[in-house]
Amino acid sequence: MTTTTGFDKDTITGALATQWESLDTLLASLPAAAWDEPSTLPGWTVRDVVAHVIGTEASLLGEQAPDPDIDVTELAHVRNDVAAFNERWVQSMRDRDPQRMLDRFRDVISRRGVALQAMTQDDFDAPSWTPVGHATYGRFMRIRIFDTWLHEQDIRDVVGLPGHEDGPCAEQSLDELTESLGFVIGKRAGAPDGAGVTLELTGPLRRTVHVAVDGRASVVPELPGPATTTLRLNSGLFARLAGGRVAAADRLSDVEYSGDTELGRRIAGNLAFTI
């Protein structure tokens, strides 16, 4: 279906339902001790990651957020209002055992699925607040796919159960990640005017992405000439670098560079952009 915004409701809701199912299956397989394992996210265990996912979807159902008087501002990893909002949900579920957490997750995503099915394409095309600024509700829901998929990978990395790094949910997540490459390459990495950058993702999702700097950096279908620099890396590593899940300085050698190697390494070192 062609839409005015490019975010087809059935495609997005189908991928989100698949993502929830994948996370459900993973969580149901975990031993109780795994829920207390620290994640790569500062201050959060596996349980806390799940609490964050639950809290966000509960909020979208209109559920009242936890007591705003809970002081989380002194925590080092709480650096903005969004982080404080997330942390209050996390703190509110710290005493729940794994089965209660799983039951709560299933209840919330079941009700969210019903709510999404009741929406129309016009609802998805309507203007909406999103974590990346004003866009559409459809874009917001693609961000929800990305956020939940990346948190599933957070948990998989902790417990040593790799998987679900390809397919429609990973594709939608990669679409969301590449949306910000203009900002990352132009602003954070400081690619000069006239530069052309190519990222070759080698799998599990194979994709070639081009960014041209012409006054400002933008993702383009193709470059007008040879790339100034080309980075070749695994799509899973790209997602973890962009999500700030791994220290870029420790993984620069896992990226292959051609052309302007200095610019390429600067780009790889500045891919992290998520809140």
Protein backbone atom coordinates (compact mmCIF):
# COMPACT_ATOMS: atom_id res chain seq x y z
CA MET A 1 0.00 0.00 0.00
CA THR A 2 1.25 3.49 -0.89
CA THR A 3 0.84 6.07 1.85
CA THR A 4 1.55 9.77 2.12
CA THR A 5 4.24 9.11 4.73
CA GLY A 6 5.70 5.76 3.72
CA PHE A 7 4.64 4.01 6.96
CA ASP A 8 2.05 1.42 6.01
CA LYS A 9 -0.04 0.55 9.05
CA ASP A 10 -0.36 -3.16 8.30
CA THR A 11 3.37 -3.54 7.62
CA ILE A 12 4.38 -1.70 10.79
CA THR A 13 1.86 -3.38 13.09
CA GLY A 14 2.71 -6.79 11.64
CA ALA A 15 6.41 -6.27 12.31
CA LEU A 16 5.73 -4.97 15.80
CA ALA A 17 3.59 -8.02 16.62
CA THR A 18 6.37 -10.27 15.32
CA GLN A 19 8.89 -8.40 17.45
CA TRP A 20 6.81 -8.79 20.59
CA GLU A 21 6.41 -12.51 19.88
CA SER A 22 10.16 -12.95 19.43
CA LEU A 23 10.89 -11.17 22.70
CA ASP A 24 8.19 -13.19 24.48
CA THR A 25 9.74 -16.45 23.30
CA LEU A 26 13.19 -15.35 24.44
CA LEU A 27 12.00 -14.22 27.88
CA ALA A 28 10.03 -17.41 28.45
CA SER A 29 13.21 -19.43 27.84
CA LEU A 30 15.34 -17.63 30.43
CA PRO A 31 16.21 -19.15 33.80
CA ALA A 32 15.29 -16.98 36.78
CA ALA A 33 18.92 -16.05 37.46
CA ALA A 34 19.30 -14.51 33.99
CA TRP A 35 16.82 -11.76 34.83
CA ASP A 36 19.29 -10.34 37.37
CA GLU A 37 22.26 -10.30 34.97
CA PRO A 38 23.62 -6.80 34.25
CA SER A 39 23.06 -5.58 30.70
CA THR A 40 25.31 -3.32 28.64
CA LEU A 41 22.97 -0.45 29.52
CA PRO A 42 24.31 1.45 32.55
CA GLY A 43 22.49 0.59 35.76
CA TRP A 44 20.08 -1.88 34.16
CA THR A 45 19.71 -5.63 34.50
CA VAL A 46 17.78 -7.85 32.08
CA ARG A 47 14.71 -7.31 34.27
CA ASP A 48 15.15 -3.55 33.98
CA VAL A 49 15.36 -3.74 30.18
CA VAL A 50 12.06 -5.64 30.13
CA ALA A 51 10.54 -3.14 32.56
CA HIS A 52 11.48 -0.33 30.20
CA VAL A 53 9.72 -2.04 27.28
CA ILE A 54 6.65 -2.68 29.45
CA GLY A 55 6.59 0.89 30.74
CA THR A 56 6.74 2.45 27.29
CA GLU A 57 3.90 0.34 25.92
CA ALA A 58 1.85 0.86 29.09
CA SER A 59 2.27 4.61 28.68
CA LEU A 60 1.02 4.36 25.10
CA LEU A 61 -2.08 2.64 26.48
CA GLY A 62 -2.67 5.69 28.66
CA GLU A 63 -1.56 4.11 31.93
CA GLN A 64 -0.38 6.58 34.52
CA ALA A 65 3.37 6.76 34.94
CA PRO A 66 4.91 5.82 38.32
CA ASP A 67 5.10 8.40 41.06
CA PRO A 68 6.91 11.45 39.59
CA ASP A 69 8.26 12.17 43.07
CA ILE A 70 10.56 9.15 42.79
CA ASP A 71 13.95 10.86 42.61
CA VAL A 72 16.10 9.34 39.90
CA THR A 73 18.08 12.43 38.94
CA GLU A 74 21.12 11.51 41.02
CA LEU A 75 21.70 8.35 38.98
CA ALA A 76 24.65 8.83 36.64
CA HIS A 77 22.89 7.28 33.65
CA VAL A 78 19.84 9.55 33.92
CA ARG A 79 20.81 12.55 31.80
CA ASN A 80 17.51 13.93 30.48
CA ASP A 81 13.75 13.92 31.01
CA VAL A 82 13.19 10.89 28.78
CA ALA A 83 15.75 8.87 30.76
CA ALA A 84 14.11 9.96 34.03
CA PHE A 85 10.69 8.88 32.73
CA ASN A 86 12.08 5.48 31.72
CA GLU A 87 13.90 5.04 35.02
CA ARG A 88 10.74 5.55 37.08
CA TRP A 89 9.05 2.70 35.24
CA VAL A 90 12.13 0.53 35.77
CA GLN A 91 12.30 1.29 39.49
CA SER A 92 8.60 0.49 39.89
CA MET A 93 9.16 -3.14 38.81
CA ARG A 94 12.45 -3.93 40.54
CA ASP A 95 10.79 -6.23 43.09
CA ARG A 96 8.83 -8.35 40.58
CA ASP A 97 9.84 -11.94 39.97
CA PRO A 98 10.36 -13.20 36.38
CA GLN A 99 6.91 -14.78 36.04
CA ARG A 100 5.17 -11.60 37.14
CA MET A 101 7.27 -9.64 34.69
CA LEU A 102 6.42 -12.00 31.85
CA ASP A 103 2.73 -11.90 32.74
CA ARG A 104 2.80 -8.10 32.81
CA PHE A 105 4.61 -7.98 29.46
CA ARG A 106 2.07 -10.29 27.85
CA ASP A 107 -0.86 -8.32 29.22
CA VAL A 108 0.48 -5.00 27.97
CA ILE A 109 1.43 -6.15 24.48
CA SER A 110 -1.90 -7.95 24.09
CA ARG A 111 -3.81 -4.76 24.82
CA ARG A 112 -1.45 -2.72 22.65
CA GLY A 113 -2.05 -5.10 19.76
CA VAL A 114 -5.80 -4.61 20.04
CA ALA A 115 -5.38 -0.83 20.21
CA LEU A 116 -3.17 -0.77 17.12
CA GLN A 117 -5.54 -2.94 15.10
CA ALA A 118 -8.34 -0.46 15.84
CA MET A 119 -6.33 2.37 14.28
CA THR A 120 -6.56 3.42 10.63
CA GLN A 121 -3.96 4.39 8.07
CA ASP A 122 -5.01 8.00 8.60
CA ASP A 123 -4.15 7.59 12.29
CA PHE A 124 -0.68 6.35 11.29
CA ASP A 125 -0.22 9.28 8.91
CA ALA A 126 -1.25 11.84 11.54
CA PRO A 127 1.36 14.15 13.14
CA SER A 128 2.76 12.81 16.41
CA TRP A 129 5.43 13.40 19.00
CA THR A 130 8.24 10.87 18.69
CA PRO A 131 11.55 10.38 20.52
CA VAL A 132 13.30 11.94 17.51
CA GLY A 133 11.03 14.98 17.26
CA HIS A 134 7.73 15.68 15.54
CA ALA A 135 6.92 13.16 12.80
CA THR A 136 3.97 10.80 12.33
CA TYR A 137 2.47 8.07 14.47
CA GLY A 138 3.68 5.55 11.87
CA ARG A 139 7.26 6.72 12.35
CA PHE A 140 6.78 6.50 16.11
CA MET A 141 5.71 2.87 15.76
CA ARG A 142 8.72 2.08 13.58
CA ILE A 143 10.84 3.51 16.39
CA ARG A 144 9.01 1.13 18.75
CA ILE A 145 10.03 -1.80 16.51
CA PHE A 146 13.63 -0.60 16.54
CA ASP A 147 13.72 0.06 20.29
CA THR A 148 12.23 -3.33 21.18
CA TRP A 149 14.40 -5.20 18.65
CA LEU A 150 17.56 -3.56 19.98
CA HIS A 151 16.56 -4.38 23.56
CA GLU A 152 15.98 -7.98 22.51
CA GLN A 153 19.56 -7.96 21.21
CA ASP A 154 20.71 -6.45 24.53
CA ILE A 155 19.21 -9.41 26.35
CA ARG A 156 20.52 -11.97 23.85
CA ASP A 157 24.03 -10.55 24.21
CA VAL A 158 23.85 -10.91 28.00
CA VAL A 159 22.57 -14.49 28.06
CA GLY A 160 24.56 -15.76 25.08
CA LEU A 161 21.59 -16.60 22.87
CA PRO A 162 22.20 -14.83 19.54
CA GLY A 163 19.36 -14.66 17.04
CA HIS A 164 16.69 -12.63 15.27
CA GLU A 165 19.23 -10.44 13.49
CA ASP A 166 17.47 -10.67 10.15
CA GLY A 167 13.87 -10.66 8.93
CA PRO A 168 11.25 -7.88 8.87
CA CYS A 169 11.86 -6.54 12.39
CA ALA A 170 15.59 -6.22 11.82
CA GLU A 171 14.91 -4.64 8.40
CA GLN A 172 12.62 -2.01 9.95
CA SER A 173 15.19 -1.38 12.67
CA LEU A 174 17.93 -0.92 10.11
CA ASP A 175 15.69 1.52 8.21
CA GLU A 176 15.36 3.53 11.42
CA LEU A 177 19.10 3.46 12.06
CA THR A 178 20.05 4.61 8.57
CA GLU A 179 17.60 7.53 8.87
CA SER A 180 20.09 9.27 11.16
CA LEU A 181 23.27 8.62 9.19
CA GLY A 182 23.25 12.08 7.62
CA PHE A 183 23.42 13.68 11.05
CA VAL A 184 25.98 11.19 12.33
CA ILE A 185 28.33 11.50 9.35
CA GLY A 186 27.89 15.22 8.71
CA LYS A 187 27.72 16.58 12.26
CA ARG A 188 29.25 14.07 14.64
CA ALA A 189 31.99 12.74 12.35
CA GLY A 190 32.51 16.06 10.56
CA ALA A 191 32.69 14.72 7.01
CA PRO A 192 33.75 17.63 4.80
CA ASP A 193 31.62 19.23 2.12
CA GLY A 194 31.84 17.27 -1.10
CA ALA A 195 32.57 13.96 0.62
CA GLY A 196 30.77 10.77 -0.31
CA VAL A 197 30.53 7.92 2.19
CA THR A 198 29.47 4.31 1.58
CA LEU A 199 28.59 1.79 4.28
CA GLU A 200 28.59 -1.83 3.13
CA LEU A 201 26.77 -4.05 5.62
CA THR A 202 27.84 -7.64 5.14
CA GLY A 203 25.13 -9.54 7.00
CA PRO A 204 23.04 -10.97 8.52
CA LEU A 205 21.30 -8.04 6.76
CA ARG A 206 23.14 -7.07 3.60
CA ARG A 207 22.72 -3.48 2.55
CA THR A 208 24.70 -0.68 0.94
CA VAL A 209 24.02 2.85 2.19
CA HIS A 210 25.39 6.03 0.64
CA VAL A 211 25.71 9.46 2.29
CA ALA A 212 26.60 12.55 0.29
CA VAL A 213 27.75 15.82 1.87
CA ASP A 214 26.53 18.74 -0.22
CA GLY A 215 26.06 21.63 2.17
CA ARG A 216 24.53 19.06 4.51
CA ALA A 217 24.92 15.30 4.73
CA SER A 218 22.05 13.18 3.45
CA VAL A 219 21.37 9.52 2.68
CA VAL A 220 21.14 9.21 -1.13
CA PRO A 221 20.34 6.35 -3.54
CA GLU A 222 23.81 6.59 -5.10
CA LEU A 223 26.89 8.80 -5.04
CA PRO A 224 27.73 11.07 -7.99
CA GLY A 225 31.26 9.67 -8.08
CA PRO A 226 33.65 7.35 -6.20
CA ALA A 227 33.22 7.25 -2.43
CA THR A 228 35.64 9.32 -0.37
CA THR A 229 35.63 6.52 2.16
CA THR A 230 33.94 3.13 2.40
CA LEU A 231 33.25 1.23 5.63
CA ARG A 232 32.52 -2.50 5.47
CA LEU A 233 31.10 -4.13 8.60
CA ASN A 234 28.65 -6.66 9.97
CA SER A 235 25.07 -5.33 10.30
CA GLY A 236 24.90 -6.55 13.90
CA LEU A 237 28.03 -4.59 14.79
CA PHE A 238 26.62 -1.54 13.00
CA ALA A 239 23.44 -1.73 15.11
CA ARG A 240 25.41 -2.08 18.33
CA LEU A 241 27.73 0.81 17.44
CA ALA A 242 24.82 3.04 16.45
CA GLY A 243 22.99 2.07 19.63
CA GLY A 244 26.03 2.75 21.82
CA ARG A 245 26.04 -0.84 23.03
CA VAL A 246 29.75 -1.42 22.44
CA ALA A 247 32.73 0.88 22.88
CA ALA A 248 33.64 2.12 19.43
CA ALA A 249 37.33 2.38 20.32
CA ASP A 250 37.39 -1.36 21.01
CA ARG A 251 35.80 -2.31 17.68
CA LEU A 252 37.39 0.00 15.10
CA SER A 253 39.60 -2.87 13.96
CA ASP A 254 36.49 -4.95 13.16
CA VAL A 255 35.57 -2.48 10.41
CA GLU A 256 37.23 -2.60 6.99
CA TYR A 257 38.10 0.77 5.45
CA SER A 258 38.99 1.89 1.96
CA GLY A 259 39.69 5.36 0.63
CA ASP A 260 40.12 8.01 3.32
CA THR A 261 40.85 5.73 6.27
CA GLU A 262 41.09 8.59 8.77
CA LEU A 263 37.58 9.79 7.89
CA GLY A 264 36.31 6.21 7.91
CA ARG A 265 37.63 5.56 11.42
CA ARG A 266 36.19 8.89 12.58
CA ILE A 267 32.78 7.86 11.27
CA ALA A 268 32.98 4.42 12.91
CA GLY A 269 33.96 6.05 16.18
CA ASN A 270 30.97 8.40 16.15
CA LEU A 271 28.09 6.17 15.04
CA ALA A 272 26.37 6.14 18.46
CA PHE A 273 23.34 8.41 18.47
CA THR A 274 20.50 6.83 20.47
CA ILE A 275 19.15 8.50 23.61
